[in-house]
Amino acid sequence: MQFRSVTSKDRDALAKFITDRWGCDYLVSKMKIYHAQDLDAFICEEDGKIIACVTYYIEGAECEIVSLDSIRPGEGLGRQLMSMAEDAARSAGCTKVWLMTTNDNTYALRLFQRLGYALCEVHLDEVKRYRDIKPCIPLKGNDGIPIRDLFELEKQIR
């Protein structure tokens, strides 16, 4: 198992991983569309295949975690990738890392809070708007919970 930064040779594999896991090759956050192949990312690979990734976008003093995903949750892969993204953000001069997750993603909410992220805003019924530009978002998510709201979390890193 190897953790590393994404290279230009990995872009197609990263887009495929995200498409396979998220239903399409683009991500949406605060109504902004991100294409996986255009984002900075770290991956965990095993036997030449991506098994986990974090994508992020740095703008000014803030770093947004656009996506975090692992095909093997509970093994610490996401924790390691988040640490790598936070280190990259610090190196780029960022003071804050933030992210959005849906209300059904209780596993992610637990992980992010354990990593020091705090809930800073709740965007009620915001997923309806997202479905207009990303129709592949399912109506129900983890544990059959209807996907409606977005939770915004942040962490000061300096």
C-alpha atoms as a PDB file:
ATOM      1  CA  MET A   1       0.000   0.000   0.000  1.00  0.00           C
ATOM      2  CA  GLN A   2       1.373   3.386  -0.995  1.00  0.00           C
ATOM      3  CA  PHE A   3       0.218   6.933  -0.225  1.00  0.00           C
ATOM      4  CA  ARG A   4       1.313   9.612  -2.667  1.00  0.00           C
ATOM      5  CA  SER A   5       0.443  12.751  -4.553  1.00  0.00           C
ATOM      6  CA  VAL A   6      -1.438  12.368  -7.810  1.00  0.00           C
ATOM      7  CA  THR A   7       0.591  12.832 -10.985  1.00  0.00           C
ATOM      8  CA  SER A   8      -0.596  13.666 -14.480  1.00  0.00           C
ATOM      9  CA  LYS A   9      -0.430   9.942 -15.300  1.00  0.00           C
ATOM     10  CA  ASP A  10      -3.000   9.245 -12.554  1.00  0.00           C
ATOM     11  CA  ARG A  11      -5.665  11.701 -13.740  1.00  0.00           C
ATOM     12  CA  ASP A  12      -7.719   9.229 -15.776  1.00  0.00           C
ATOM     13  CA  ALA A  13      -7.605   6.609 -13.001  1.00  0.00           C
ATOM     14  CA  LEU A  14      -8.643   9.239 -10.438  1.00  0.00           C
ATOM     15  CA  ALA A  15     -11.574  10.359 -12.605  1.00  0.00           C
ATOM     16  CA  LYS A  16     -12.647   6.724 -13.025  1.00  0.00           C
ATOM     17  CA  PHE A  17     -12.393   6.063  -9.272  1.00  0.00           C
ATOM     18  CA  ILE A  18     -14.548   9.104  -8.502  1.00  0.00           C
ATOM     19  CA  THR A  19     -17.044   8.238 -11.248  1.00  0.00           C
ATOM     20  CA  ASP A  20     -17.336   4.669  -9.974  1.00  0.00           C
ATOM     21  CA  ARG A  21     -17.836   5.834  -6.395  1.00  0.00           C
ATOM     22  CA  TRP A  22     -19.847   9.060  -6.873  1.00  0.00           C
ATOM     23  CA  GLY A  23     -21.794   8.387 -10.071  1.00  0.00           C
ATOM     24  CA  CYS A  24     -20.109  11.031 -12.219  1.00  0.00           C
ATOM     25  CA  ASP A  25     -16.633  12.499 -12.700  1.00  0.00           C
ATOM     26  CA  TYR A  26     -17.386  15.922 -11.282  1.00  0.00           C
ATOM     27  CA  LEU A  27     -18.072  17.168  -7.780  1.00  0.00           C
ATOM     28  CA  VAL A  28     -20.090  20.155  -6.593  1.00  0.00           C
ATOM     29  CA  SER A  29     -19.471  22.318  -3.550  1.00  0.00           C
ATOM     30  CA  LYS A  30     -21.142  25.646  -2.820  1.00  0.00           C
ATOM     31  CA  MET A  31     -22.607  25.420  -6.332  1.00  0.00           C
ATOM     32  CA  LYS A  32     -19.131  25.317  -7.880  1.00  0.00           C
ATOM     33  CA  ILE A  33     -18.356  22.421 -10.223  1.00  0.00           C
ATOM     34  CA  TYR A  34     -15.015  20.679  -9.825  1.00  0.00           C
ATOM     35  CA  HIS A  35     -13.696  18.093 -12.263  1.00  0.00           C
ATOM     36  CA  ALA A  36     -11.659  15.425 -10.514  1.00  0.00           C
ATOM     37  CA  GLN A  37      -8.818  15.594 -13.002  1.00  0.00           C
ATOM     38  CA  ASP A  38      -8.349  19.332 -12.314  1.00  0.00           C
ATOM     39  CA  LEU A  39      -8.011  19.047  -8.533  1.00  0.00           C
ATOM     40  CA  ASP A  40      -4.962  18.478  -6.399  1.00  0.00           C
ATOM     41  CA  ALA A  41      -5.165  15.067  -4.799  1.00  0.00           C
ATOM     42  CA  PHE A  42      -3.482  12.392  -2.759  1.00  0.00           C
ATOM     43  CA  ILE A  43      -4.186   8.740  -3.327  1.00  0.00           C
ATOM     44  CA  CYS A  44      -3.661   5.453  -1.610  1.00  0.00           C
ATOM     45  CA  GLU A  45      -3.015   2.663  -4.050  1.00  0.00           C
ATOM     46  CA  GLU A  46      -2.569  -1.046  -3.744  1.00  0.00           C
ATOM     47  CA  ASP A  47      -1.390  -3.298  -6.555  1.00  0.00           C
ATOM     48  CA  GLY A  48      -1.494  -0.299  -8.891  1.00  0.00           C
ATOM     49  CA  LYS A  49      -5.153   0.513  -8.167  1.00  0.00           C
ATOM     50  CA  ILE A  50      -6.540   3.505  -6.297  1.00  0.00           C
ATOM     51  CA  ILE A  51      -8.297   2.370  -3.128  1.00  0.00           C
ATOM     52  CA  ALA A  52      -8.709   5.791  -1.485  1.00  0.00           C
ATOM     53  CA  CYS A  53      -8.296   9.443  -2.393  1.00  0.00           C
ATOM     54  CA  VAL A  54      -8.688  12.968  -1.134  1.00  0.00           C
ATOM     55  CA  THR A  55      -9.159  15.868  -3.548  1.00  0.00           C
ATOM     56  CA  TYR A  56      -8.693  19.452  -2.501  1.00  0.00           C
ATOM     57  CA  TYR A  57      -8.647  22.996  -3.799  1.00  0.00           C
ATOM     58  CA  ILE A  58      -6.573  25.837  -2.371  1.00  0.00           C
ATOM     59  CA  GLU A  59      -7.695  29.422  -2.770  1.00  0.00           C
ATOM     60  CA  GLY A  60      -5.985  32.138  -0.789  1.00  0.00           C
ATOM     61  CA  ALA A  61      -5.611  31.136   2.858  1.00  0.00           C
ATOM     62  CA  GLU A  62      -8.263  28.418   2.656  1.00  0.00           C
ATOM     63  CA  CYS A  63      -8.196  24.826   1.534  1.00  0.00           C
ATOM     64  CA  GLU A  64     -11.393  23.047   0.636  1.00  0.00           C
ATOM     65  CA  ILE A  65     -11.518  19.285   0.917  1.00  0.00           C
ATOM     66  CA  VAL A  66     -13.660  18.557  -2.135  1.00  0.00           C
ATOM     67  CA  SER A  67     -13.848  14.791  -1.674  1.00  0.00           C
ATOM     68  CA  LEU A  68     -12.587  11.996   0.528  1.00  0.00           C
ATOM     69  CA  ASP A  69     -13.333   8.399  -0.313  1.00  0.00           C
ATOM     70  CA  SER A  70     -12.056   4.936   0.487  1.00  0.00           C
ATOM     71  CA  ILE A  71     -13.199   1.528  -0.647  1.00  0.00           C
ATOM     72  CA  ARG A  72     -11.939   0.211   2.698  1.00  0.00           C
ATOM     73  CA  PRO A  73     -13.397   2.418   5.443  1.00  0.00           C
ATOM     74  CA  GLY A  74     -12.202   1.966   8.991  1.00  0.00           C
ATOM     75  CA  GLU A  75      -8.584   1.173   8.089  1.00  0.00           C
ATOM     76  CA  GLY A  76      -7.234   4.706   8.613  1.00  0.00           C
ATOM     77  CA  LEU A  77      -6.752   5.479   4.927  1.00  0.00           C
ATOM     78  CA  GLY A  78      -8.961   8.567   5.052  1.00  0.00           C
ATOM     79  CA  ARG A  79      -7.254   9.784   8.208  1.00  0.00           C
ATOM     80  CA  GLN A  80      -3.832   9.516   6.536  1.00  0.00           C
ATOM     81  CA  LEU A  81      -5.027  11.231   3.361  1.00  0.00           C
ATOM     82  CA  MET A  82      -6.606  14.070   5.361  1.00  0.00           C
ATOM     83  CA  SER A  83      -3.320  14.563   7.205  1.00  0.00           C
ATOM     84  CA  MET A  84      -1.486  14.787   3.885  1.00  0.00           C
ATOM     85  CA  ALA A  85      -3.981  17.334   2.527  1.00  0.00           C
ATOM     86  CA  GLU A  86      -3.721  19.425   5.702  1.00  0.00           C
ATOM     87  CA  ASP A  87       0.088  19.371   5.445  1.00  0.00           C
ATOM     88  CA  ALA A  88      -0.149  20.531   1.815  1.00  0.00           C
ATOM     89  CA  ALA A  89      -2.520  23.314   2.873  1.00  0.00           C
ATOM     90  CA  ARG A  90      -0.129  24.452   5.619  1.00  0.00           C
ATOM     91  CA  SER A  91       2.772  24.428   3.154  1.00  0.00           C
ATOM     92  CA  ALA A  92       0.703  26.605   0.804  1.00  0.00           C
ATOM     93  CA  GLY A  93       0.124  29.134   3.604  1.00  0.00           C
ATOM     94  CA  CYS A  94      -3.467  28.189   4.397  1.00  0.00           C
ATOM     95  CA  THR A  95      -4.877  28.908   7.833  1.00  0.00           C
ATOM     96  CA  LYS A  96      -8.144  27.031   7.452  1.00  0.00           C
ATOM     97  CA  VAL A  97      -9.341  23.772   5.921  1.00  0.00           C
ATOM     98  CA  TRP A  98     -13.056  23.321   5.332  1.00  0.00           C
ATOM     99  CA  LEU A  99     -15.402  20.821   3.749  1.00  0.00           C
ATOM    100  CA  MET A 100     -19.017  19.970   3.088  1.00  0.00           C
ATOM    101  CA  THR A 101     -20.781  16.669   3.663  1.00  0.00           C
ATOM    102  CA  THR A 102     -24.364  15.530   3.417  1.00  0.00           C
ATOM    103  CA  ASN A 103     -26.624  14.897   6.391  1.00  0.00           C
ATOM    104  CA  ASP A 104     -26.702  11.129   5.778  1.00  0.00           C
ATOM    105  CA  ASN A 105     -22.931  10.723   5.979  1.00  0.00           C
ATOM    106  CA  THR A 106     -22.708  10.038   9.698  1.00  0.00           C
ATOM    107  CA  TYR A 107     -19.490   8.048   9.254  1.00  0.00           C
ATOM    108  CA  ALA A 108     -17.757  11.090   7.729  1.00  0.00           C
ATOM    109  CA  LEU A 109     -19.174  13.419  10.383  1.00  0.00           C
ATOM    110  CA  ARG A 110     -17.653  11.236  13.099  1.00  0.00           C
ATOM    111  CA  LEU A 111     -14.309  11.049  11.300  1.00  0.00           C
ATOM    112  CA  PHE A 112     -14.036  14.773  10.633  1.00  0.00           C
ATOM    113  CA  GLN A 113     -14.944  15.695  14.209  1.00  0.00           C
ATOM    114  CA  ARG A 114     -12.350  13.237  15.510  1.00  0.00           C
ATOM    115  CA  LEU A 115      -9.827  14.987  13.255  1.00  0.00           C
ATOM    116  CA  GLY A 116     -10.615  18.336  14.884  1.00  0.00           C
ATOM    117  CA  TYR A 117     -13.173  19.734  12.445  1.00  0.00           C
ATOM    118  CA  ALA A 118     -16.086  21.693  13.886  1.00  0.00           C
ATOM    119  CA  LEU A 119     -19.533  22.183  12.430  1.00  0.00           C
ATOM    120  CA  CYS A 120     -19.759  25.823  11.371  1.00  0.00           C
ATOM    121  CA  GLU A 121     -22.869  25.941   9.186  1.00  0.00           C
ATOM    122  CA  VAL A 122     -25.876  23.861   8.191  1.00  0.00           C
ATOM    123  CA  HIS A 123     -27.325  24.421   4.725  1.00  0.00           C
ATOM    124  CA  LEU A 124     -30.901  23.149   5.019  1.00  0.00           C
ATOM    125  CA  ASP A 125     -32.457  21.604   1.890  1.00  0.00           C
ATOM    126  CA  GLU A 126     -29.415  22.687  -0.141  1.00  0.00           C
ATOM    127  CA  VAL A 127     -29.069  19.317  -1.875  1.00  0.00           C
ATOM    128  CA  LYS A 128     -32.173  20.106  -3.961  1.00  0.00           C
ATOM    129  CA  ARG A 129     -30.230  22.880  -5.684  1.00  0.00           C
ATOM    130  CA  TYR A 130     -27.221  20.612  -6.164  1.00  0.00           C
ATOM    131  CA  ARG A 131     -29.324  17.996  -7.920  1.00  0.00           C
ATOM    132  CA  ASP A 132     -30.138  20.582 -10.597  1.00  0.00           C
ATOM    133  CA  ILE A 133     -26.492  20.539 -11.677  1.00  0.00           C
ATOM    134  CA  LYS A 134     -25.584  17.054 -10.454  1.00  0.00           C
ATOM    135  CA  PRO A 135     -28.594  14.781 -10.976  1.00  0.00           C
ATOM    136  CA  CYS A 136     -26.607  11.671 -10.013  1.00  0.00           C
ATOM    137  CA  ILE A 137     -26.998  12.576  -6.303  1.00  0.00           C
ATOM    138  CA  PRO A 138     -29.292   9.872  -4.918  1.00  0.00           C
ATOM    139  CA  LEU A 139     -32.442  10.663  -2.942  1.00  0.00           C
ATOM    140  CA  LYS A 140     -31.404   8.386  -0.083  1.00  0.00           C
ATOM    141  CA  GLY A 141     -27.959   7.717   1.267  1.00  0.00           C
ATOM    142  CA  ASN A 142     -26.333   5.837   4.081  1.00  0.00           C
ATOM    143  CA  ASP A 143     -28.720   3.824   6.233  1.00  0.00           C
ATOM    144  CA  GLY A 144     -31.650   4.870   4.017  1.00  0.00           C
ATOM    145  CA  ILE A 145     -31.464   8.464   5.295  1.00  0.00           C
ATOM    146  CA  PRO A 146     -32.941  11.011   2.848  1.00  0.00           C
ATOM    147  CA  ILE A 147     -30.169  13.267   1.520  1.00  0.00           C
ATOM    148  CA  ARG A 148     -31.348  16.857   2.022  1.00  0.00           C
ATOM    149  CA  ASP A 149     -28.917  19.031   3.923  1.00  0.00           C
ATOM    150  CA  LEU A 150     -25.260  19.981   3.733  1.00  0.00           C
ATOM    151  CA  PHE A 151     -23.078  20.303   6.795  1.00  0.00           C
ATOM    152  CA  GLU A 152     -20.079  22.592   6.571  1.00  0.00           C
ATOM    153  CA  LEU A 153     -17.145  21.859   8.850  1.00  0.00           C
ATOM    154  CA  GLU A 154     -13.871  23.690   9.315  1.00  0.00           C
ATOM    155  CA  LYS A 155     -10.547  23.384  11.083  1.00  0.00           C
ATOM    156  CA  GLN A 156      -8.006  26.082  11.830  1.00  0.00           C
ATOM    157  CA  ILE A 157      -4.553  24.774  10.954  1.00  0.00           C
ATOM    158  CA  ARG A 158      -2.386  27.713  12.072  1.00  0.00           C
END
